[in-house]
Amino acid sequence: MPAYLIARVDITDPEQYRHYLNATPPIIEKYEGKAIARSTDPITLEGPEETRRIVILQFPTVGKVREFYHSPEYQEAKKLREGAAIGELIVVEGIAAG
């Protein structure tokens, strides 16, 4: 069953954050993930206005998301985000077709 990693990111240093953005795509791909949505201008329909960057990544399973996040490669890349952004990451499992 697919799983989705949802990131909400407040970018504080765009120049430094670009290094993180350049480092992560091959790591995501290695763990069978793909970006399915990203926006720096989300539309809020209810609740407090969302102004953070929103990214949704799809992986084949929750296990693959965990492998990606805890991998040595991503842990190293994550250091590039330090001081450049404050992020929140959550994982939700997809709904089985049928």
N, C-alpha and C. Protein backbone atom coordinates (compact mmCIF):
# COMPACT_ATOMS: atom_id res chain seq x y z
N MET A 1 0.84 -1.17 0.00
CA MET A 1 0.00 0.00 0.00
C MET A 1 0.89 1.24 0.00
N PRO A 2 0.60 2.23 -0.85
CA PRO A 2 1.47 3.41 -0.90
C PRO A 2 1.44 4.20 0.40
N ALA A 3 2.49 4.95 0.61
CA ALA A 3 2.60 5.82 1.78
C ALA A 3 3.07 7.18 1.29
N TYR A 4 2.64 8.20 2.00
CA TYR A 4 2.94 9.57 1.59
C TYR A 4 3.66 10.30 2.71
N LEU A 5 4.79 10.88 2.39
CA LEU A 5 5.52 11.73 3.31
C LEU A 5 5.11 13.16 2.97
N ILE A 6 4.57 13.85 3.96
CA ILE A 6 4.12 15.23 3.78
C ILE A 6 5.05 16.12 4.58
N ALA A 7 5.66 17.07 3.89
CA ALA A 7 6.58 18.00 4.53
C ALA A 7 5.99 19.40 4.49
N ARG A 8 6.05 20.07 5.63
CA ARG A 8 5.66 21.48 5.73
C ARG A 8 6.92 22.20 6.19
N VAL A 9 7.41 23.10 5.35
CA VAL A 9 8.73 23.67 5.58
C VAL A 9 8.69 25.20 5.56
N ASP A 10 9.23 25.78 6.61
CA ASP A 10 9.40 27.23 6.68
C ASP A 10 10.86 27.52 6.32
N ILE A 11 11.09 28.04 5.14
CA ILE A 11 12.45 28.29 4.65
C ILE A 11 12.94 29.62 5.20
N THR A 12 14.06 29.57 5.91
CA THR A 12 14.63 30.78 6.52
C THR A 12 15.86 31.28 5.78
N ASP A 13 16.51 30.41 5.01
CA ASP A 13 17.70 30.78 4.23
C ASP A 13 17.62 30.07 2.88
N PRO A 14 16.98 30.72 1.89
CA PRO A 14 16.77 30.06 0.59
C PRO A 14 18.06 29.60 -0.09
N GLU A 15 19.13 30.36 0.04
CA GLU A 15 20.40 29.98 -0.60
C GLU A 15 20.92 28.66 -0.04
N GLN A 16 20.95 28.54 1.27
CA GLN A 16 21.41 27.31 1.91
C GLN A 16 20.45 26.15 1.64
N TYR A 17 19.16 26.45 1.64
CA TYR A 17 18.14 25.42 1.42
C TYR A 17 18.28 24.79 0.03
N ARG A 18 18.75 25.56 -0.93
CA ARG A 18 18.97 25.04 -2.28
C ARG A 18 19.94 23.86 -2.28
N HIS A 19 20.93 23.88 -1.41
CA HIS A 19 21.88 22.76 -1.32
C HIS A 19 21.15 21.48 -0.91
N TYR A 20 20.23 21.60 0.03
CA TYR A 20 19.41 20.47 0.46
C TYR A 20 18.54 19.98 -0.69
N LEU A 21 17.92 20.91 -1.42
CA LEU A 21 17.07 20.54 -2.55
C LEU A 21 17.85 19.82 -3.64
N ASN A 22 19.08 20.19 -3.84
CA ASN A 22 19.92 19.52 -4.85
C ASN A 22 20.36 18.13 -4.41
N ALA A 23 20.51 17.93 -3.11
CA ALA A 23 21.02 16.66 -2.60
C ALA A 23 19.96 15.57 -2.48
N THR A 24 18.70 15.93 -2.26
CA THR A 24 17.70 14.93 -1.90
C THR A 24 17.07 14.12 -3.04
N PRO A 25 16.87 14.65 -4.25
CA PRO A 25 16.18 13.84 -5.27
C PRO A 25 16.77 12.46 -5.54
N PRO A 26 18.09 12.31 -5.67
CA PRO A 26 18.60 10.96 -5.91
C PRO A 26 18.40 10.01 -4.74
N ILE A 27 18.35 10.56 -3.53
CA ILE A 27 18.13 9.72 -2.35
C ILE A 27 16.67 9.26 -2.34
N ILE A 28 15.76 10.17 -2.62
CA ILE A 28 14.34 9.82 -2.69
C ILE A 28 14.14 8.72 -3.73
N GLU A 29 14.73 8.89 -4.90
CA GLU A 29 14.61 7.91 -5.98
C GLU A 29 15.19 6.56 -5.58
N LYS A 30 16.31 6.57 -4.89
CA LYS A 30 16.95 5.32 -4.46
C LYS A 30 16.01 4.48 -3.60
N TYR A 31 15.16 5.14 -2.81
CA TYR A 31 14.23 4.44 -1.94
C TYR A 31 12.83 4.36 -2.55
N GLU A 32 12.78 4.44 -3.88
CA GLU A 32 11.56 4.25 -4.67
C GLU A 32 10.50 5.31 -4.42
N GLY A 33 10.94 6.49 -4.03
CA GLY A 33 10.01 7.58 -3.82
C GLY A 33 9.95 8.50 -5.01
N LYS A 34 8.88 9.28 -5.06
CA LYS A 34 8.76 10.30 -6.11
C LYS A 34 7.94 11.45 -5.57
N ALA A 35 8.29 12.64 -6.03
CA ALA A 35 7.54 13.83 -5.65
C ALA A 35 6.24 13.86 -6.45
N ILE A 36 5.12 14.03 -5.76
CA ILE A 36 3.85 14.11 -6.47
C ILE A 36 3.20 15.48 -6.33
N ALA A 37 3.67 16.30 -5.39
CA ALA A 37 3.16 17.66 -5.25
C ALA A 37 4.17 18.50 -4.49
N ARG A 38 4.27 19.77 -4.89
CA ARG A 38 5.06 20.73 -4.12
C ARG A 38 4.55 22.12 -4.44
N SER A 39 4.55 22.95 -3.43
CA SER A 39 4.03 24.30 -3.60
C SER A 39 4.65 25.23 -2.58
N THR A 40 4.98 26.42 -3.02
CA THR A 40 5.40 27.47 -2.10
C THR A 40 4.25 28.44 -1.87
N ASP A 41 3.11 28.14 -2.49
CA ASP A 41 1.94 29.02 -2.37
C ASP A 41 0.68 28.18 -2.20
N PRO A 42 0.57 27.42 -1.09
CA PRO A 42 -0.61 26.59 -0.90
C PRO A 42 -1.86 27.45 -0.67
N ILE A 43 -3.00 26.88 -0.96
CA ILE A 43 -4.28 27.56 -0.77
C ILE A 43 -4.94 27.00 0.49
N THR A 44 -5.22 27.88 1.44
CA THR A 44 -5.86 27.47 2.68
C THR A 44 -7.37 27.64 2.53
N LEU A 45 -8.10 26.56 2.74
CA LEU A 45 -9.56 26.62 2.69
C LEU A 45 -10.18 26.72 4.08
N GLU A 46 -9.52 26.15 5.08
CA GLU A 46 -9.99 26.24 6.46
C GLU A 46 -8.79 26.30 7.38
N GLY A 47 -8.97 26.89 8.53
CA GLY A 47 -7.91 26.94 9.53
C GLY A 47 -6.94 28.09 9.28
N PRO A 48 -5.88 28.12 10.08
CA PRO A 48 -4.88 29.18 9.94
C PRO A 48 -4.24 29.13 8.55
N GLU A 49 -3.95 30.28 8.00
CA GLU A 49 -3.35 30.35 6.67
C GLU A 49 -2.01 29.61 6.65
N GLU A 50 -1.85 28.73 5.68
CA GLU A 50 -0.60 27.98 5.51
C GLU A 50 0.31 28.77 4.58
N THR A 51 1.49 29.11 5.07
CA THR A 51 2.43 29.90 4.27
C THR A 51 3.73 29.13 4.00
N ARG A 52 3.82 27.92 4.54
CA ARG A 52 5.05 27.14 4.38
C ARG A 52 5.06 26.43 3.03
N ARG A 53 6.24 25.99 2.62
CA ARG A 53 6.40 25.14 1.44
C ARG A 53 5.81 23.77 1.80
N ILE A 54 5.00 23.23 0.92
CA ILE A 54 4.40 21.92 1.13
C ILE A 54 4.93 20.98 0.06
N VAL A 55 5.38 19.81 0.50
CA VAL A 55 5.88 18.79 -0.43
C VAL A 55 5.22 17.46 -0.05
N ILE A 56 4.77 16.73 -1.07
CA ILE A 56 4.23 15.39 -0.84
C ILE A 56 5.03 14.41 -1.69
N LEU A 57 5.62 13.43 -1.01
CA LEU A 57 6.37 12.37 -1.68
C LEU A 57 5.60 11.07 -1.54
N GLN A 58 5.60 10.28 -2.59
CA GLN A 58 4.94 8.97 -2.55
C GLN A 58 6.00 7.88 -2.55
N PHE A 59 5.82 6.91 -1.67
CA PHE A 59 6.69 5.74 -1.59
C PHE A 59 5.80 4.50 -1.68
N PRO A 60 6.36 3.35 -2.05
CA PRO A 60 5.52 2.15 -2.17
C PRO A 60 4.94 1.65 -0.84
N THR A 61 5.64 1.90 0.26
CA THR A 61 5.19 1.43 1.58
C THR A 61 5.70 2.37 2.67
N VAL A 62 5.10 2.25 3.85
CA VAL A 62 5.59 3.00 5.00
C VAL A 62 7.02 2.58 5.31
N GLY A 63 7.31 1.29 5.14
CA GLY A 63 8.66 0.80 5.38
C GLY A 63 9.70 1.50 4.52
N LYS A 64 9.35 1.77 3.26
CA LYS A 64 10.29 2.46 2.36
C LYS A 64 10.50 3.91 2.80
N VAL A 65 9.44 4.54 3.32
CA VAL A 65 9.61 5.91 3.84
C VAL A 65 10.58 5.89 5.01
N ARG A 66 10.40 4.92 5.90
CA ARG A 66 11.29 4.82 7.06
C ARG A 66 12.74 4.55 6.62
N GLU A 67 12.91 3.65 5.65
CA GLU A 67 14.25 3.37 5.13
C GLU A 67 14.88 4.64 4.58
N PHE A 68 14.11 5.38 3.79
CA PHE A 68 14.60 6.64 3.23
C PHE A 68 15.01 7.60 4.33
N TYR A 69 14.09 7.86 5.26
CA TYR A 69 14.35 8.88 6.29
C TYR A 69 15.54 8.52 7.17
N HIS A 70 15.67 7.26 7.53
CA HIS A 70 16.74 6.84 8.44
C HIS A 70 18.03 6.45 7.72
N SER A 71 18.04 6.53 6.39
CA SER A 71 19.23 6.14 5.64
C SER A 71 20.40 7.07 5.94
N PRO A 72 21.61 6.55 5.88
CA PRO A 72 22.78 7.41 6.09
C PRO A 72 22.83 8.57 5.07
N GLU A 73 22.39 8.29 3.84
CA GLU A 73 22.43 9.32 2.80
C GLU A 73 21.51 10.49 3.16
N TYR A 74 20.29 10.16 3.59
CA TYR A 74 19.36 11.26 3.92
C TYR A 74 19.78 11.97 5.20
N GLN A 75 20.27 11.24 6.18
CA GLN A 75 20.71 11.88 7.41
C GLN A 75 21.83 12.88 7.13
N GLU A 76 22.68 12.55 6.18
CA GLU A 76 23.75 13.48 5.78
C GLU A 76 23.16 14.68 5.05
N ALA A 77 22.24 14.44 4.11
CA ALA A 77 21.60 15.53 3.36
C ALA A 77 20.80 16.44 4.28
N LYS A 78 20.17 15.86 5.29
CA LYS A 78 19.35 16.63 6.22
C LYS A 78 20.17 17.71 6.93
N LYS A 79 21.44 17.47 7.10
CA LYS A 79 22.32 18.46 7.74
C LYS A 79 22.38 19.75 6.92
N LEU A 80 22.18 19.63 5.60
CA LEU A 80 22.19 20.81 4.73
C LEU A 80 20.99 21.72 5.00
N ARG A 81 19.94 21.16 5.58
CA ARG A 81 18.72 21.92 5.89
C ARG A 81 18.85 22.69 7.21
N GLU A 82 19.76 22.24 8.07
CA GLU A 82 19.93 22.88 9.37
C GLU A 82 20.30 24.35 9.21
N GLY A 83 19.58 25.21 9.88
CA GLY A 83 19.83 26.64 9.79
C GLY A 83 19.24 27.27 8.54
N ALA A 84 18.67 26.46 7.65
CA ALA A 84 18.09 26.98 6.41
C ALA A 84 16.58 26.85 6.39
N ALA A 85 16.05 25.95 7.22
CA ALA A 85 14.60 25.71 7.21
C ALA A 85 14.19 24.98 8.48
N ILE A 86 12.94 25.20 8.84
CA ILE A 86 12.33 24.48 9.94
C ILE A 86 11.23 23.64 9.32
N GLY A 87 11.33 22.33 9.49
CA GLY A 87 10.39 21.45 8.82
C GLY A 87 9.59 20.58 9.76
N GLU A 88 8.44 20.18 9.28
CA GLU A 88 7.61 19.17 9.92
C GLU A 88 7.38 18.10 8.89
N LEU A 89 7.61 16.84 9.25
CA LEU A 89 7.41 15.73 8.33
C LEU A 89 6.46 14.74 8.97
N ILE A 90 5.45 14.33 8.22
CA ILE A 90 4.53 13.30 8.70
C ILE A 90 4.36 12.27 7.59
N VAL A 91 3.97 11.08 7.97
CA VAL A 91 3.74 10.00 7.02
C VAL A 91 2.31 9.50 7.20
N VAL A 92 1.62 9.34 6.08
CA VAL A 92 0.28 8.75 6.11
C VAL A 92 0.25 7.61 5.10
N GLU A 93 -0.48 6.58 5.49
CA GLU A 93 -0.61 5.43 4.60
C GLU A 93 -1.76 5.67 3.64
N GLY A 94 -1.56 5.23 2.40
CA GLY A 94 -2.60 5.38 1.39
C GLY A 94 -3.76 4.43 1.62
N ILE A 95 -4.80 4.62 0.87
CA ILE A 95 -6.00 3.78 0.96
C ILE A 95 -5.93 2.73 -0.14
N ALA A 96 -6.19 1.49 0.22
CA ALA A 96 -6.17 0.40 -0.76
C ALA A 96 -7.28 0.61 -1.80
N ALA A 97 -6.92 0.39 -3.06
CA ALA A 97 -7.91 0.51 -4.13
C ALA A 97 -8.91 -0.62 -4.02
N GLY A 98 -10.14 -0.35 -4.37
CA GLY A 98 -11.10 -1.44 -4.35
C GLY A 98 -12.39 -1.03 -3.94
